[in-house]
Amino acid sequence: MGKELQSIRQELNDAEEKQITDEAVKLWLFDLRVLAYDMEDVLDEFAYELMRRKLMGAEVDEASTSMVRKFIPTCCTSFSPTHVVANVKMGSKIRGITSRLQDISARKAGLGLEKAQEELLPLGKGHHPLHL
C-alpha cells in the first residue's frame, strides 16, 4: 500500500503544478478534493453508526434479565428497521462515491498527469525518508 500512496502523491504533485496553466487539471483537482471530503464524511458517519449500535446493544444487554437472551448474539437481538434503512443509505452513499471515483480516475488518464519525482531525504539509520 505504501507504493500506491507514493504513486498518488507523485501524480498529485504533477497535478498541483499543471493546474496553474490547465483549467481541466484545476477542475479535476477540485473534484478530487470534494470527493475526498465526502469520503471522510461517510467514514465518520459509519464510525458514528457503529458506536451508536454498540451503545444501543449495551443498553439492551443491561435491560435484559433473561439468561437465554444473554447467549444470543447482539446482531440477532438488536435487529430493527432503523438498522436496515441506515445500511441501505450507507450502501447508496458508498456506491455513489465509487462511481465518482471511477469517473475522476478515467478523467485523470486524459489529463496527461505523470508521476513527478519527489525529493527524498533520509533522516538517519532506521528512520523513514522525509518527503519535501
N, C-alpha and C. Protein backbone atom coordinates (compact mmCIF):
# COMPACT_ATOMS: atom_id res chain seq x y z
N MET A 1 0.81 -1.18 0.00
CA MET A 1 0.00 0.00 0.00
C MET A 1 0.87 1.26 0.00
N GLY A 2 2.05 1.17 0.55
CA GLY A 2 2.95 2.31 0.59
C GLY A 2 3.34 2.79 -0.79
N LYS A 3 3.56 1.86 -1.73
CA LYS A 3 3.93 2.23 -3.10
C LYS A 3 2.77 2.94 -3.80
N GLU A 4 1.54 2.47 -3.55
CA GLU A 4 0.38 3.11 -4.16
C GLU A 4 0.23 4.54 -3.64
N LEU A 5 0.41 4.72 -2.34
CA LEU A 5 0.29 6.04 -1.75
C LEU A 5 1.36 6.99 -2.32
N GLN A 6 2.58 6.49 -2.46
CA GLN A 6 3.64 7.31 -3.03
C GLN A 6 3.31 7.67 -4.48
N SER A 7 2.76 6.73 -5.22
CA SER A 7 2.38 6.98 -6.61
C SER A 7 1.31 8.06 -6.69
N ILE A 8 0.32 7.99 -5.81
CA ILE A 8 -0.74 9.00 -5.78
C ILE A 8 -0.15 10.37 -5.45
N ARG A 9 0.75 10.41 -4.48
CA ARG A 9 1.38 11.69 -4.11
C ARG A 9 2.14 12.29 -5.29
N GLN A 10 2.85 11.45 -6.04
CA GLN A 10 3.61 11.94 -7.18
C GLN A 10 2.68 12.50 -8.25
N GLU A 11 1.57 11.83 -8.52
CA GLU A 11 0.62 12.31 -9.51
C GLU A 11 -0.04 13.61 -9.03
N LEU A 12 -0.34 13.69 -7.76
CA LEU A 12 -0.93 14.92 -7.23
C LEU A 12 0.05 16.08 -7.31
N ASN A 13 1.33 15.82 -7.06
CA ASN A 13 2.34 16.86 -7.21
C ASN A 13 2.36 17.40 -8.63
N ASP A 14 2.29 16.50 -9.61
CA ASP A 14 2.27 16.91 -11.01
C ASP A 14 1.01 17.72 -11.30
N ALA A 15 -0.13 17.28 -10.77
CA ALA A 15 -1.39 17.99 -10.98
C ALA A 15 -1.35 19.38 -10.34
N GLU A 16 -0.74 19.47 -9.16
CA GLU A 16 -0.63 20.78 -8.49
C GLU A 16 0.14 21.77 -9.37
N GLU A 17 1.20 21.30 -10.01
CA GLU A 17 1.99 22.16 -10.89
C GLU A 17 1.21 22.53 -12.15
N LYS A 18 0.50 21.57 -12.73
CA LYS A 18 -0.18 21.80 -14.01
C LYS A 18 -1.46 22.61 -13.86
N GLN A 19 -2.04 22.65 -12.66
CA GLN A 19 -3.32 23.36 -12.50
C GLN A 19 -3.18 24.87 -12.74
N ILE A 20 -1.95 25.36 -12.62
CA ILE A 20 -1.71 26.79 -12.82
C ILE A 20 -2.03 27.20 -14.25
N THR A 21 -1.72 26.33 -15.20
CA THR A 21 -1.92 26.67 -16.61
C THR A 21 -3.03 25.87 -17.28
N ASP A 22 -3.54 24.84 -16.63
CA ASP A 22 -4.53 23.96 -17.26
C ASP A 22 -5.81 23.94 -16.43
N GLU A 23 -6.86 24.56 -16.97
CA GLU A 23 -8.14 24.67 -16.25
C GLU A 23 -8.77 23.29 -16.01
N ALA A 24 -8.59 22.33 -16.93
CA ALA A 24 -9.15 20.99 -16.76
C ALA A 24 -8.50 20.28 -15.57
N VAL A 25 -7.20 20.47 -15.39
CA VAL A 25 -6.50 19.88 -14.25
C VAL A 25 -6.98 20.53 -12.96
N LYS A 26 -7.19 21.83 -13.00
CA LYS A 26 -7.68 22.55 -11.82
C LYS A 26 -9.06 22.02 -11.40
N LEU A 27 -9.95 21.81 -12.36
CA LEU A 27 -11.28 21.28 -12.09
C LEU A 27 -11.17 19.85 -11.56
N TRP A 28 -10.29 19.05 -12.15
CA TRP A 28 -10.09 17.66 -11.70
C TRP A 28 -9.63 17.64 -10.25
N LEU A 29 -8.67 18.50 -9.90
CA LEU A 29 -8.20 18.56 -8.51
C LEU A 29 -9.30 18.99 -7.56
N PHE A 30 -10.11 19.94 -7.98
CA PHE A 30 -11.23 20.39 -7.15
C PHE A 30 -12.20 19.23 -6.90
N ASP A 31 -12.57 18.51 -7.97
CA ASP A 31 -13.48 17.38 -7.83
C ASP A 31 -12.89 16.29 -6.94
N LEU A 32 -11.59 16.06 -7.06
CA LEU A 32 -10.92 15.06 -6.24
C LEU A 32 -10.96 15.46 -4.76
N ARG A 33 -10.72 16.74 -4.48
CA ARG A 33 -10.77 17.22 -3.09
C ARG A 33 -12.18 17.08 -2.51
N VAL A 34 -13.18 17.45 -3.28
CA VAL A 34 -14.57 17.34 -2.82
C VAL A 34 -14.90 15.87 -2.53
N LEU A 35 -14.46 14.99 -3.42
CA LEU A 35 -14.70 13.56 -3.21
C LEU A 35 -14.00 13.08 -1.95
N ALA A 36 -12.78 13.52 -1.72
CA ALA A 36 -12.05 13.11 -0.51
C ALA A 36 -12.80 13.55 0.75
N TYR A 37 -13.34 14.78 0.74
CA TYR A 37 -14.12 15.25 1.89
C TYR A 37 -15.39 14.42 2.08
N ASP A 38 -16.05 14.09 0.96
CA ASP A 38 -17.26 13.27 1.04
C ASP A 38 -16.94 11.87 1.57
N MET A 39 -15.80 11.32 1.15
CA MET A 39 -15.39 10.01 1.65
C MET A 39 -15.14 10.07 3.16
N GLU A 40 -14.51 11.13 3.59
CA GLU A 40 -14.25 11.31 5.02
C GLU A 40 -15.56 11.42 5.79
N ASP A 41 -16.53 12.14 5.23
CA ASP A 41 -17.84 12.27 5.88
C ASP A 41 -18.53 10.91 6.02
N VAL A 42 -18.45 10.08 4.98
CA VAL A 42 -19.07 8.76 5.03
C VAL A 42 -18.38 7.89 6.07
N LEU A 43 -17.06 7.96 6.14
CA LEU A 43 -16.33 7.20 7.16
C LEU A 43 -16.70 7.66 8.57
N ASP A 44 -16.85 8.97 8.76
CA ASP A 44 -17.27 9.49 10.06
C ASP A 44 -18.68 9.01 10.40
N GLU A 45 -19.57 9.04 9.40
CA GLU A 45 -20.94 8.59 9.61
C GLU A 45 -20.97 7.10 9.96
N PHE A 46 -20.14 6.32 9.29
CA PHE A 46 -20.06 4.89 9.56
C PHE A 46 -19.57 4.64 10.99
N ALA A 47 -18.53 5.37 11.40
CA ALA A 47 -17.99 5.22 12.75
C ALA A 47 -19.03 5.61 13.80
N TYR A 48 -19.78 6.70 13.51
CA TYR A 48 -20.83 7.13 14.43
C TYR A 48 -21.92 6.06 14.57
N GLU A 49 -22.36 5.51 13.43
CA GLU A 49 -23.40 4.48 13.45
C GLU A 49 -22.93 3.24 14.18
N LEU A 50 -21.69 2.86 13.99
CA LEU A 50 -21.13 1.70 14.69
C LEU A 50 -21.13 1.94 16.19
N MET A 51 -20.70 3.11 16.61
CA MET A 51 -20.68 3.45 18.04
C MET A 51 -22.10 3.48 18.60
N ARG A 52 -23.03 4.06 17.85
CA ARG A 52 -24.42 4.12 18.29
C ARG A 52 -25.00 2.73 18.49
N ARG A 53 -24.71 1.85 17.54
CA ARG A 53 -25.23 0.47 17.65
C ARG A 53 -24.61 -0.26 18.83
N LYS A 54 -23.33 -0.03 19.08
CA LYS A 54 -22.69 -0.66 20.23
C LYS A 54 -23.33 -0.18 21.52
N LEU A 55 -23.57 1.12 21.61
CA LEU A 55 -24.20 1.68 22.81
C LEU A 55 -25.63 1.16 22.98
N MET A 56 -26.36 1.10 21.88
CA MET A 56 -27.73 0.58 21.95
C MET A 56 -27.72 -0.89 22.35
N GLY A 57 -26.74 -1.65 21.85
CA GLY A 57 -26.62 -3.06 22.22
C GLY A 57 -26.31 -3.22 23.70
N ALA A 58 -25.49 -2.32 24.24
CA ALA A 58 -25.15 -2.38 25.66
C ALA A 58 -26.39 -2.08 26.50
N GLU A 59 -27.22 -1.14 26.05
CA GLU A 59 -28.44 -0.82 26.78
C GLU A 59 -29.40 -1.99 26.77
N VAL A 60 -29.50 -2.69 25.62
CA VAL A 60 -30.37 -3.86 25.52
C VAL A 60 -29.87 -4.95 26.46
N ASP A 61 -28.55 -5.17 26.51
CA ASP A 61 -27.99 -6.18 27.39
C ASP A 61 -28.28 -5.87 28.85
N GLU A 62 -28.17 -4.61 29.25
CA GLU A 62 -28.41 -4.22 30.63
C GLU A 62 -29.88 -4.37 30.98
N ALA A 63 -30.76 -4.10 30.02
CA ALA A 63 -32.20 -4.17 30.29
C ALA A 63 -32.71 -5.60 30.30
N SER A 64 -31.99 -6.51 29.70
CA SER A 64 -32.43 -7.90 29.60
C SER A 64 -32.14 -8.66 30.88
N THR A 65 -33.16 -9.34 31.37
CA THR A 65 -32.98 -10.15 32.56
C THR A 65 -33.00 -11.63 32.22
N SER A 66 -33.32 -11.96 30.99
CA SER A 66 -33.40 -13.35 30.58
C SER A 66 -32.01 -13.94 30.39
N MET A 67 -31.76 -15.07 31.01
CA MET A 67 -30.46 -15.75 30.86
C MET A 67 -30.29 -16.26 29.44
N VAL A 68 -31.36 -16.72 28.83
CA VAL A 68 -31.28 -17.24 27.46
C VAL A 68 -30.92 -16.11 26.49
N ARG A 69 -31.53 -14.94 26.67
CA ARG A 69 -31.28 -13.81 25.77
C ARG A 69 -29.82 -13.38 25.80
N LYS A 70 -29.17 -13.53 26.93
CA LYS A 70 -27.77 -13.12 27.05
C LYS A 70 -26.85 -13.99 26.20
N PHE A 71 -27.30 -15.19 25.82
CA PHE A 71 -26.47 -16.07 24.99
C PHE A 71 -26.70 -15.87 23.50
N ILE A 72 -27.70 -15.09 23.14
CA ILE A 72 -27.99 -14.81 21.73
C ILE A 72 -27.13 -13.64 21.30
N PRO A 73 -26.43 -13.75 20.16
CA PRO A 73 -25.56 -12.65 19.70
C PRO A 73 -26.34 -11.34 19.54
N THR A 74 -25.67 -10.24 19.81
CA THR A 74 -26.29 -8.91 19.74
C THR A 74 -26.86 -8.63 18.37
N CYS A 75 -26.19 -9.11 17.33
CA CYS A 75 -26.65 -8.83 15.97
C CYS A 75 -28.06 -9.37 15.73
N CYS A 76 -28.42 -10.44 16.47
CA CYS A 76 -29.73 -11.05 16.29
C CYS A 76 -30.80 -10.40 17.17
N THR A 77 -30.39 -9.82 18.27
CA THR A 77 -31.37 -9.24 19.20
C THR A 77 -31.59 -7.76 18.97
N SER A 78 -30.68 -7.10 18.29
CA SER A 78 -30.82 -5.65 18.09
C SER A 78 -31.27 -5.31 16.68
N PHE A 79 -31.77 -6.27 15.93
CA PHE A 79 -32.24 -6.03 14.57
C PHE A 79 -33.44 -5.10 14.61
N SER A 80 -33.41 -4.09 13.76
CA SER A 80 -34.54 -3.18 13.69
C SER A 80 -34.62 -2.59 12.28
N PRO A 81 -35.80 -2.11 11.91
CA PRO A 81 -35.94 -1.47 10.60
C PRO A 81 -35.01 -0.25 10.46
N THR A 82 -34.73 0.41 11.56
CA THR A 82 -33.83 1.57 11.52
C THR A 82 -32.44 1.15 11.04
N HIS A 83 -31.97 -0.02 11.50
CA HIS A 83 -30.66 -0.51 11.06
C HIS A 83 -30.67 -0.82 9.57
N VAL A 84 -31.76 -1.40 9.09
CA VAL A 84 -31.86 -1.73 7.67
C VAL A 84 -31.81 -0.45 6.83
N VAL A 85 -32.56 0.55 7.23
CA VAL A 85 -32.58 1.82 6.50
C VAL A 85 -31.20 2.46 6.50
N ALA A 86 -30.53 2.46 7.66
CA ALA A 86 -29.18 3.02 7.75
C ALA A 86 -28.22 2.28 6.84
N ASN A 87 -28.33 0.94 6.79
CA ASN A 87 -27.45 0.15 5.94
C ASN A 87 -27.69 0.46 4.46
N VAL A 88 -28.94 0.61 4.07
CA VAL A 88 -29.27 0.91 2.67
C VAL A 88 -28.73 2.29 2.29
N LYS A 89 -28.92 3.27 3.18
CA LYS A 89 -28.42 4.62 2.91
C LYS A 89 -26.90 4.63 2.78
N MET A 90 -26.22 3.93 3.69
CA MET A 90 -24.76 3.87 3.66
C MET A 90 -24.29 3.20 2.37
N GLY A 91 -24.94 2.11 1.99
CA GLY A 91 -24.58 1.41 0.76
C GLY A 91 -24.75 2.30 -0.46
N SER A 92 -25.82 3.08 -0.47
CA SER A 92 -26.07 4.01 -1.57
C SER A 92 -24.99 5.08 -1.64
N LYS A 93 -24.59 5.62 -0.50
CA LYS A 93 -23.54 6.64 -0.47
C LYS A 93 -22.21 6.06 -0.97
N ILE A 94 -21.91 4.84 -0.56
CA ILE A 94 -20.65 4.20 -0.97
C ILE A 94 -20.66 3.94 -2.48
N ARG A 95 -21.79 3.49 -3.01
CA ARG A 95 -21.88 3.28 -4.47
C ARG A 95 -21.70 4.60 -5.22
N GLY A 96 -22.27 5.68 -4.70
CA GLY A 96 -22.11 6.99 -5.33
C GLY A 96 -20.66 7.45 -5.33
N ILE A 97 -19.99 7.25 -4.21
CA ILE A 97 -18.58 7.63 -4.10
C ILE A 97 -17.74 6.78 -5.05
N THR A 98 -18.03 5.50 -5.12
CA THR A 98 -17.29 4.61 -6.02
C THR A 98 -17.46 5.05 -7.47
N SER A 99 -18.67 5.42 -7.84
CA SER A 99 -18.93 5.88 -9.21
C SER A 99 -18.16 7.17 -9.49
N ARG A 100 -18.18 8.11 -8.56
CA ARG A 100 -17.45 9.36 -8.75
C ARG A 100 -15.94 9.12 -8.82
N LEU A 101 -15.44 8.20 -8.01
CA LEU A 101 -14.02 7.87 -8.02
C LEU A 101 -13.62 7.28 -9.37
N GLN A 102 -14.46 6.42 -9.93
CA GLN A 102 -14.18 5.85 -11.24
C GLN A 102 -14.17 6.94 -12.32
N ASP A 103 -15.10 7.88 -12.21
CA ASP A 103 -15.15 8.99 -13.17
C ASP A 103 -13.89 9.85 -13.08
N ILE A 104 -13.49 10.18 -11.85
CA ILE A 104 -12.29 11.00 -11.65
C ILE A 104 -11.05 10.27 -12.16
N SER A 105 -10.99 8.97 -11.92
CA SER A 105 -9.86 8.18 -12.39
C SER A 105 -9.80 8.16 -13.92
N ALA A 106 -10.96 8.01 -14.56
CA ALA A 106 -11.00 8.00 -16.02
C ALA A 106 -10.58 9.36 -16.59
N ARG A 107 -11.01 10.43 -15.95
CA ARG A 107 -10.64 11.78 -16.41
C ARG A 107 -9.15 12.02 -16.26
N LYS A 108 -8.55 11.45 -15.22
CA LYS A 108 -7.11 11.64 -14.97
C LYS A 108 -6.30 11.14 -16.16
N ALA A 109 -6.72 10.04 -16.75
CA ALA A 109 -5.99 9.47 -17.88
C ALA A 109 -5.92 10.45 -19.04
N GLY A 110 -6.95 11.25 -19.24
CA GLY A 110 -6.96 12.20 -20.34
C GLY A 110 -6.22 13.50 -20.06
N LEU A 111 -5.77 13.68 -18.83
CA LEU A 111 -5.09 14.93 -18.47
C LEU A 111 -3.57 14.86 -18.63
N GLY A 112 -3.07 13.68 -18.88
CA GLY A 112 -1.62 13.53 -19.07
C GLY A 112 -0.82 13.75 -17.81
N LEU A 113 -1.38 13.41 -16.67
CA LEU A 113 -0.65 13.58 -15.42
C LEU A 113 0.41 12.49 -15.29
N GLU A 114 1.56 12.90 -14.83
CA GLU A 114 2.68 11.97 -14.68
C GLU A 114 3.07 11.89 -13.22
N LYS A 115 3.89 10.92 -12.94
CA LYS A 115 4.39 10.75 -11.58
C LYS A 115 5.64 11.59 -11.42
N ALA A 116 5.44 12.81 -10.93
CA ALA A 116 6.58 13.69 -10.68
C ALA A 116 7.38 13.14 -9.51
N GLN A 117 8.67 13.08 -9.67
CA GLN A 117 9.52 12.52 -8.62
C GLN A 117 9.62 13.48 -7.45
N GLU A 118 9.48 12.91 -6.24
CA GLU A 118 9.66 13.69 -5.02
C GLU A 118 11.10 13.56 -4.58
N GLU A 119 11.60 14.60 -3.98
CA GLU A 119 12.95 14.54 -3.42
C GLU A 119 12.85 13.93 -2.03
N LEU A 120 13.63 12.89 -1.79
CA LEU A 120 13.60 12.20 -0.51
C LEU A 120 14.91 12.44 0.24
N LEU A 121 14.81 12.76 1.51
CA LEU A 121 15.98 12.94 2.35
C LEU A 121 15.93 11.93 3.49
N PRO A 122 16.96 11.08 3.63
CA PRO A 122 16.95 10.14 4.74
C PRO A 122 17.17 10.88 6.06
N LEU A 123 16.48 10.42 7.10
CA LEU A 123 16.62 11.03 8.41
C LEU A 123 17.71 10.37 9.23
N GLY A 124 18.20 9.28 8.78
CA GLY A 124 19.21 8.55 9.53
C GLY A 124 18.88 7.08 9.55
N LYS A 125 19.76 6.32 10.13
CA LYS A 125 19.59 4.87 10.15
C LYS A 125 18.32 4.49 10.91
N GLY A 126 17.48 3.66 10.26
CA GLY A 126 16.26 3.16 10.89
C GLY A 126 15.07 4.11 10.83
N HIS A 127 15.21 5.25 10.16
CA HIS A 127 14.11 6.21 10.06
C HIS A 127 13.54 6.19 8.65
N HIS A 128 12.29 6.65 8.55
CA HIS A 128 11.66 6.74 7.25
C HIS A 128 12.13 8.01 6.54
N PRO A 129 12.10 8.01 5.21
CA PRO A 129 12.53 9.21 4.48
C PRO A 129 11.55 10.36 4.69
N LEU A 130 12.07 11.55 4.57
CA LEU A 130 11.27 12.76 4.69
C LEU A 130 10.94 13.25 3.29
N HIS A 131 9.66 13.49 3.04
CA HIS A 131 9.23 14.00 1.74
C HIS A 131 9.26 15.51 1.76
N LEU A 132 9.81 16.10 0.71
CA LEU A 132 9.83 17.57 0.59
C LEU A 132 8.78 18.02 -0.38
